[in-house]
Amino acid sequence: MDNEQLNVWLDRLIDGDPDAFEVIYGMTKNKVYATVAALVAHPADVNDIVSEIYYQLWRALPSYDRTRPFLFWLNGIVIRQIHSWRRQLWRRFRLLEKKNRLSVEPHVERPEEPVLENESQKEMQRLINQLPFKLRIVIIYRFYYDFSHEQVAELLQIPLGTVKSRNHLALKQLRQWLDTQANEEASSEHVNLGRN
């Protein structure tokens, strides 16, 4: 969808057209869900955070600067909501503990488009999820969204040098984990060959 069509749908959404919300939601839901799922530790929180993101989108839409890319602006809302969620983590932790004592956790449905599709990509996603939040968020926006270092810095409201150093550190940690994993696999294959 081009910007002209998008602006028509955004105008309709501002005017209260529920069909416009469905169109914009349909265009963005997979990226938003995938981003939140990659940045949030508890899958049960994903739907709550995404709901709040779309509520905030609806509230902030009149102030959206149409000269900027919509997806970039929407990711600003995603970041703010995730930071808000992280600030309230202690409350969520207490509620989650209470919930775990009282009932079984429900299954959370994911969108059809997985973040990463094949086995090696799933392994990479598992490793990325082990990174500290500050490194993980830079990697996701840098490589999943293909944002430049400058765009990531603007989105996260941190200095460009900080983005570059976090990107470098995250890639270094991922390389070390992959090297360690490869060495362990080679050792286990060597042991298995020695037994045959």
C-alpha atoms as a PDB file:
ATOM      1  CA  MET A   1       0.000   0.000   0.000  1.00  0.00           C
ATOM      2  CA  ASP A   2       1.461   3.380  -0.955  1.00  0.00           C
ATOM      3  CA  ASN A   3       1.491   6.496   1.214  1.00  0.00           C
ATOM      4  CA  GLU A   4      -1.439   8.099  -0.599  1.00  0.00           C
ATOM      5  CA  GLN A   5      -3.683   5.094   0.065  1.00  0.00           C
ATOM      6  CA  LEU A   6      -2.390   4.868   3.623  1.00  0.00           C
ATOM      7  CA  ASN A   7      -3.203   8.533   4.249  1.00  0.00           C
ATOM      8  CA  VAL A   8      -6.775   7.948   3.040  1.00  0.00           C
ATOM      9  CA  TRP A   9      -7.163   5.066   5.522  1.00  0.00           C
ATOM     10  CA  LEU A  10      -5.551   7.122   8.301  1.00  0.00           C
ATOM     11  CA  ASP A  11      -7.987  10.000   7.624  1.00  0.00           C
ATOM     12  CA  ARG A  12     -10.889   7.547   7.725  1.00  0.00           C
ATOM     13  CA  LEU A  13      -9.590   6.107  11.003  1.00  0.00           C
ATOM     14  CA  ILE A  14      -9.336   9.594  12.531  1.00  0.00           C
ATOM     15  CA  ASP A  15     -12.973  10.119  11.481  1.00  0.00           C
ATOM     16  CA  GLY A  16     -13.916   6.954  13.390  1.00  0.00           C
ATOM     17  CA  ASP A  17     -14.317   4.439  10.543  1.00  0.00           C
ATOM     18  CA  PRO A  18     -13.935   0.924  12.056  1.00  0.00           C
ATOM     19  CA  ASP A  19     -13.154  -0.544   8.614  1.00  0.00           C
ATOM     20  CA  ALA A  20     -10.116   1.730   8.403  1.00  0.00           C
ATOM     21  CA  PHE A  21      -8.848   0.327  11.688  1.00  0.00           C
ATOM     22  CA  GLU A  22      -9.212  -3.216  10.334  1.00  0.00           C
ATOM     23  CA  VAL A  23      -7.197  -2.306   7.221  1.00  0.00           C
ATOM     24  CA  ILE A  24      -4.385  -0.631   9.192  1.00  0.00           C
ATOM     25  CA  TYR A  25      -4.381  -3.436  11.760  1.00  0.00           C
ATOM     26  CA  GLY A  26      -4.202  -6.027   8.964  1.00  0.00           C
ATOM     27  CA  MET A  27      -1.226  -4.218   7.408  1.00  0.00           C
ATOM     28  CA  THR A  28       0.772  -3.998  10.627  1.00  0.00           C
ATOM     29  CA  LYS A  29      -0.275  -6.790  13.008  1.00  0.00           C
ATOM     30  CA  ASN A  30       2.320  -9.382  12.008  1.00  0.00           C
ATOM     31  CA  LYS A  31       5.278  -7.014  12.404  1.00  0.00           C
ATOM     32  CA  VAL A  32       3.919  -5.616  15.684  1.00  0.00           C
ATOM     33  CA  TYR A  33       3.187  -9.066  17.156  1.00  0.00           C
ATOM     34  CA  ALA A  34       6.556 -10.414  16.062  1.00  0.00           C
ATOM     35  CA  THR A  35       8.424  -7.434  17.519  1.00  0.00           C
ATOM     36  CA  VAL A  36       6.607  -7.567  20.850  1.00  0.00           C
ATOM     37  CA  ALA A  37       6.989 -11.354  21.069  1.00  0.00           C
ATOM     38  CA  ALA A  38      10.723 -11.019  20.468  1.00  0.00           C
ATOM     39  CA  LEU A  39      11.143  -8.356  23.154  1.00  0.00           C
ATOM     40  CA  VAL A  40       8.855  -9.682  25.887  1.00  0.00           C
ATOM     41  CA  ALA A  41       9.782 -12.623  28.088  1.00  0.00           C
ATOM     42  CA  HIS A  42       6.270 -13.876  28.890  1.00  0.00           C
ATOM     43  CA  PRO A  43       4.111 -14.900  25.909  1.00  0.00           C
ATOM     44  CA  ALA A  44       0.970 -14.263  27.960  1.00  0.00           C
ATOM     45  CA  ASP A  45       1.833 -10.540  28.008  1.00  0.00           C
ATOM     46  CA  VAL A  46       2.100 -10.184  24.225  1.00  0.00           C
ATOM     47  CA  ASN A  47      -1.618  -9.759  23.519  1.00  0.00           C
ATOM     48  CA  ASP A  48      -2.039  -7.210  26.320  1.00  0.00           C
ATOM     49  CA  ILE A  49       0.867  -5.122  25.079  1.00  0.00           C
ATOM     50  CA  VAL A  50      -0.271  -5.296  21.448  1.00  0.00           C
ATOM     51  CA  SER A  51      -3.783  -4.231  22.456  1.00  0.00           C
ATOM     52  CA  GLU A  52      -2.341  -1.238  24.274  1.00  0.00           C
ATOM     53  CA  ILE A  53      -0.175  -0.405  21.240  1.00  0.00           C
ATOM     54  CA  TYR A  54      -3.200  -0.227  18.964  1.00  0.00           C
ATOM     55  CA  TYR A  55      -5.155   1.779  21.540  1.00  0.00           C
ATOM     56  CA  GLN A  56      -2.265   4.249  21.731  1.00  0.00           C
ATOM     57  CA  LEU A  57      -2.075   4.318  17.918  1.00  0.00           C
ATOM     58  CA  TRP A  58      -5.734   5.338  17.788  1.00  0.00           C
ATOM     59  CA  ARG A  59      -5.226   8.036  20.436  1.00  0.00           C
ATOM     60  CA  ALA A  60      -1.995   9.433  18.939  1.00  0.00           C
ATOM     61  CA  LEU A  61      -3.035   9.269  15.294  1.00  0.00           C
ATOM     62  CA  PRO A  62      -4.153  12.920  15.044  1.00  0.00           C
ATOM     63  CA  SER A  63      -0.616  13.999  16.011  1.00  0.00           C
ATOM     64  CA  TYR A  64       1.091  11.688  13.471  1.00  0.00           C
ATOM     65  CA  ASP A  65       3.491  13.641  11.230  1.00  0.00           C
ATOM     66  CA  ARG A  66       2.662  12.404   7.722  1.00  0.00           C
ATOM     67  CA  THR A  67       6.108  13.367   6.447  1.00  0.00           C
ATOM     68  CA  ARG A  68       7.594  10.466   8.438  1.00  0.00           C
ATOM     69  CA  PRO A  69       7.184   6.758   7.582  1.00  0.00           C
ATOM     70  CA  PHE A  70       4.128   5.281   9.290  1.00  0.00           C
ATOM     71  CA  LEU A  71       5.823   2.009  10.311  1.00  0.00           C
ATOM     72  CA  PHE A  72       8.667   3.960  11.917  1.00  0.00           C
ATOM     73  CA  TRP A  73       6.152   6.078  13.874  1.00  0.00           C
ATOM     74  CA  LEU A  74       4.244   2.947  14.899  1.00  0.00           C
ATOM     75  CA  ASN A  75       7.469   1.365  16.159  1.00  0.00           C
ATOM     76  CA  GLY A  76       7.941   4.407  18.379  1.00  0.00           C
ATOM     77  CA  ILE A  77       4.616   3.514  20.006  1.00  0.00           C
ATOM     78  CA  VAL A  78       5.746  -0.125  20.282  1.00  0.00           C
ATOM     79  CA  ILE A  79       8.937   0.927  22.092  1.00  0.00           C
ATOM     80  CA  ARG A  80       7.094   3.247  24.482  1.00  0.00           C
ATOM     81  CA  GLN A  81       4.583   0.546  25.369  1.00  0.00           C
ATOM     82  CA  ILE A  82       7.288  -2.056  25.938  1.00  0.00           C
ATOM     83  CA  HIS A  83       9.185   0.382  28.160  1.00  0.00           C
ATOM     84  CA  SER A  84       5.971   1.092  30.061  1.00  0.00           C
ATOM     85  CA  TRP A  85       5.445  -2.645  30.463  1.00  0.00           C
ATOM     86  CA  ARG A  86       9.010  -3.080  31.720  1.00  0.00           C
ATOM     87  CA  ARG A  87       8.524  -0.288  34.266  1.00  0.00           C
ATOM     88  CA  GLN A  88       5.502  -2.145  35.607  1.00  0.00           C
ATOM     89  CA  LEU A  89       7.203  -5.553  35.521  1.00  0.00           C
ATOM     90  CA  TRP A  90       7.146  -6.024  39.271  1.00  0.00           C
ATOM     91  CA  ARG A  91       3.335  -5.764  39.275  1.00  0.00           C
ATOM     92  CA  ARG A  92       3.056  -8.147  36.374  1.00  0.00           C
ATOM     93  CA  PHE A  93       5.423 -10.573  38.081  1.00  0.00           C
ATOM     94  CA  ARG A  94       3.281 -10.626  41.220  1.00  0.00           C
ATOM     95  CA  LEU A  95       0.103 -11.125  39.197  1.00  0.00           C
ATOM     96  CA  LEU A  96       1.727 -13.856  37.129  1.00  0.00           C
ATOM     97  CA  GLU A  97       2.872 -15.687  40.256  1.00  0.00           C
ATOM     98  CA  LYS A  98      -0.619 -15.460  41.713  1.00  0.00           C
ATOM     99  CA  LYS A  99      -2.120 -16.627  38.429  1.00  0.00           C
ATOM    100  CA  ASN A 100       0.277 -19.587  38.256  1.00  0.00           C
ATOM    101  CA  ARG A 101      -0.769 -20.681  41.728  1.00  0.00           C
ATOM    102  CA  LEU A 102      -4.471 -20.459  40.895  1.00  0.00           C
ATOM    103  CA  SER A 103      -4.758 -21.773  37.338  1.00  0.00           C
ATOM    104  CA  VAL A 104      -3.120 -23.182  34.252  1.00  0.00           C
ATOM    105  CA  GLU A 105      -1.730 -20.592  31.843  1.00  0.00           C
ATOM    106  CA  PRO A 106      -3.813 -20.310  28.621  1.00  0.00           C
ATOM    107  CA  HIS A 107      -2.329 -20.868  25.183  1.00  0.00           C
ATOM    108  CA  VAL A 108      -1.515 -17.587  23.386  1.00  0.00           C
ATOM    109  CA  GLU A 109      -2.211 -17.588  19.660  1.00  0.00           C
ATOM    110  CA  ARG A 110       0.498 -16.208  17.396  1.00  0.00           C
ATOM    111  CA  PRO A 111       0.017 -14.577  14.006  1.00  0.00           C
ATOM    112  CA  GLU A 112       0.454 -16.765  10.953  1.00  0.00           C
ATOM    113  CA  GLU A 113       3.770 -15.160   9.956  1.00  0.00           C
ATOM    114  CA  PRO A 114       6.517 -16.471  12.245  1.00  0.00           C
ATOM    115  CA  VAL A 115       9.436 -14.153  12.906  1.00  0.00           C
ATOM    116  CA  LEU A 116      11.893 -16.727  11.581  1.00  0.00           C
ATOM    117  CA  GLU A 117      10.953 -19.761   9.527  1.00  0.00           C
ATOM    118  CA  ASN A 118      13.559 -22.504   9.187  1.00  0.00           C
ATOM    119  CA  GLU A 119      15.441 -24.407  11.884  1.00  0.00           C
ATOM    120  CA  SER A 120      18.667 -22.396  11.794  1.00  0.00           C
ATOM    121  CA  GLN A 121      16.641 -19.200  11.963  1.00  0.00           C
ATOM    122  CA  LYS A 122      14.686 -20.574  14.926  1.00  0.00           C
ATOM    123  CA  GLU A 123      17.971 -21.362  16.656  1.00  0.00           C
ATOM    124  CA  MET A 124      19.185 -17.821  15.937  1.00  0.00           C
ATOM    125  CA  GLN A 125      15.915 -16.432  17.365  1.00  0.00           C
ATOM    126  CA  ARG A 126      16.460 -18.526  20.516  1.00  0.00           C
ATOM    127  CA  LEU A 127      19.957 -17.055  20.874  1.00  0.00           C
ATOM    128  CA  ILE A 128      18.714 -13.518  20.230  1.00  0.00           C
ATOM    129  CA  ASN A 129      16.085 -14.012  22.943  1.00  0.00           C
ATOM    130  CA  GLN A 130      18.910 -14.824  25.394  1.00  0.00           C
ATOM    131  CA  LEU A 131      20.519 -11.422  24.804  1.00  0.00           C
ATOM    132  CA  PRO A 132      19.919  -8.703  27.395  1.00  0.00           C
ATOM    133  CA  PHE A 133      16.973  -6.468  26.462  1.00  0.00           C
ATOM    134  CA  LYS A 134      19.144  -3.468  25.521  1.00  0.00           C
ATOM    135  CA  LEU A 135      21.114  -5.552  23.024  1.00  0.00           C
ATOM    136  CA  ARG A 136      18.155  -7.584  21.786  1.00  0.00           C
ATOM    137  CA  ILE A 137      16.075  -4.526  20.877  1.00  0.00           C
ATOM    138  CA  VAL A 138      18.900  -3.057  18.787  1.00  0.00           C
ATOM    139  CA  ILE A 139      19.407  -6.351  16.917  1.00  0.00           C
ATOM    140  CA  ILE A 140      15.691  -6.737  16.193  1.00  0.00           C
ATOM    141  CA  TYR A 141      15.291  -3.240  14.785  1.00  0.00           C
ATOM    142  CA  ARG A 142      18.602  -3.371  12.955  1.00  0.00           C
ATOM    143  CA  PHE A 143      18.132  -6.731  11.227  1.00  0.00           C
ATOM    144  CA  TYR A 144      14.430  -7.647  11.377  1.00  0.00           C
ATOM    145  CA  TYR A 145      13.251  -4.196  10.283  1.00  0.00           C
ATOM    146  CA  ASP A 146      16.442  -3.281   8.383  1.00  0.00           C
ATOM    147  CA  PHE A 147      16.583   0.100  10.142  1.00  0.00           C
ATOM    148  CA  SER A 148      19.834   2.025   9.879  1.00  0.00           C
ATOM    149  CA  HIS A 149      21.907   2.745  12.978  1.00  0.00           C
ATOM    150  CA  GLU A 150      20.623   6.332  12.821  1.00  0.00           C
ATOM    151  CA  GLN A 151      16.984   5.218  12.688  1.00  0.00           C
ATOM    152  CA  VAL A 152      17.459   2.854  15.628  1.00  0.00           C
ATOM    153  CA  ALA A 153      19.098   5.653  17.626  1.00  0.00           C
ATOM    154  CA  GLU A 154      16.203   7.985  16.881  1.00  0.00           C
ATOM    155  CA  LEU A 155      13.585   5.348  17.634  1.00  0.00           C
ATOM    156  CA  LEU A 156      15.146   4.328  20.953  1.00  0.00           C
ATOM    157  CA  GLN A 157      16.170   7.911  21.770  1.00  0.00           C
ATOM    158  CA  ILE A 158      19.759   6.964  22.505  1.00  0.00           C
ATOM    159  CA  PRO A 159      23.045   8.228  21.006  1.00  0.00           C
ATOM    160  CA  LEU A 160      24.206   6.789  17.689  1.00  0.00           C
ATOM    161  CA  GLY A 161      27.442   5.541  19.272  1.00  0.00           C
ATOM    162  CA  THR A 162      25.435   3.611  21.856  1.00  0.00           C
ATOM    163  CA  VAL A 163      23.451   1.896  19.101  1.00  0.00           C
ATOM    164  CA  LYS A 164      26.630   0.944  17.279  1.00  0.00           C
ATOM    165  CA  SER A 165      28.317  -0.386  20.408  1.00  0.00           C
ATOM    166  CA  ARG A 166      25.244  -2.392  21.445  1.00  0.00           C
ATOM    167  CA  ASN A 167      24.968  -3.790  17.914  1.00  0.00           C
ATOM    168  CA  HIS A 168      28.653  -4.763  17.980  1.00  0.00           C
ATOM    169  CA  LEU A 169      28.411  -6.313  21.452  1.00  0.00           C
ATOM    170  CA  ALA A 170      25.271  -8.275  20.561  1.00  0.00           C
ATOM    171  CA  LEU A 171      26.827  -9.651  17.375  1.00  0.00           C
ATOM    172  CA  LYS A 172      29.984 -10.563  19.319  1.00  0.00           C
ATOM    173  CA  GLN A 173      27.940 -12.468  21.929  1.00  0.00           C
ATOM    174  CA  LEU A 174      25.945 -14.260  19.229  1.00  0.00           C
ATOM    175  CA  ARG A 175      29.160 -15.273  17.436  1.00  0.00           C
ATOM    176  CA  GLN A 176      30.637 -16.597  20.690  1.00  0.00           C
ATOM    177  CA  TRP A 177      27.495 -18.620  21.446  1.00  0.00           C
ATOM    178  CA  LEU A 178      27.430 -20.029  17.917  1.00  0.00           C
ATOM    179  CA  ASP A 179      31.145 -20.916  18.066  1.00  0.00           C
ATOM    180  CA  THR A 180      30.669 -22.621  21.447  1.00  0.00           C
ATOM    181  CA  GLN A 181      27.667 -24.523  20.114  1.00  0.00           C
ATOM    182  CA  ALA A 182      29.580 -25.597  16.978  1.00  0.00           C
ATOM    183  CA  ASN A 183      32.533 -26.771  19.090  1.00  0.00           C
ATOM    184  CA  GLU A 184      30.221 -28.788  21.366  1.00  0.00           C
ATOM    185  CA  GLU A 185      28.541 -30.405  18.356  1.00  0.00           C
ATOM    186  CA  ALA A 186      31.936 -31.241  16.826  1.00  0.00           C
ATOM    187  CA  SER A 187      33.104 -32.758  20.122  1.00  0.00           C
ATOM    188  CA  SER A 188      29.984 -34.889  20.465  1.00  0.00           C
ATOM    189  CA  GLU A 189      30.330 -36.103  16.849  1.00  0.00           C
ATOM    190  CA  HIS A 190      33.979 -36.972  17.502  1.00  0.00           C
ATOM    191  CA  VAL A 191      33.029 -38.936  20.609  1.00  0.00           C
ATOM    192  CA  ASN A 192      30.236 -40.744  18.726  1.00  0.00           C
ATOM    193  CA  LEU A 193      32.608 -41.636  15.867  1.00  0.00           C
ATOM    194  CA  GLY A 194      35.137 -43.029  18.368  1.00  0.00           C
ATOM    195  CA  ARG A 195      32.506 -45.399  19.776  1.00  0.00           C
ATOM    196  CA  ASN A 196      31.604 -46.889  16.383  1.00  0.00           C
END
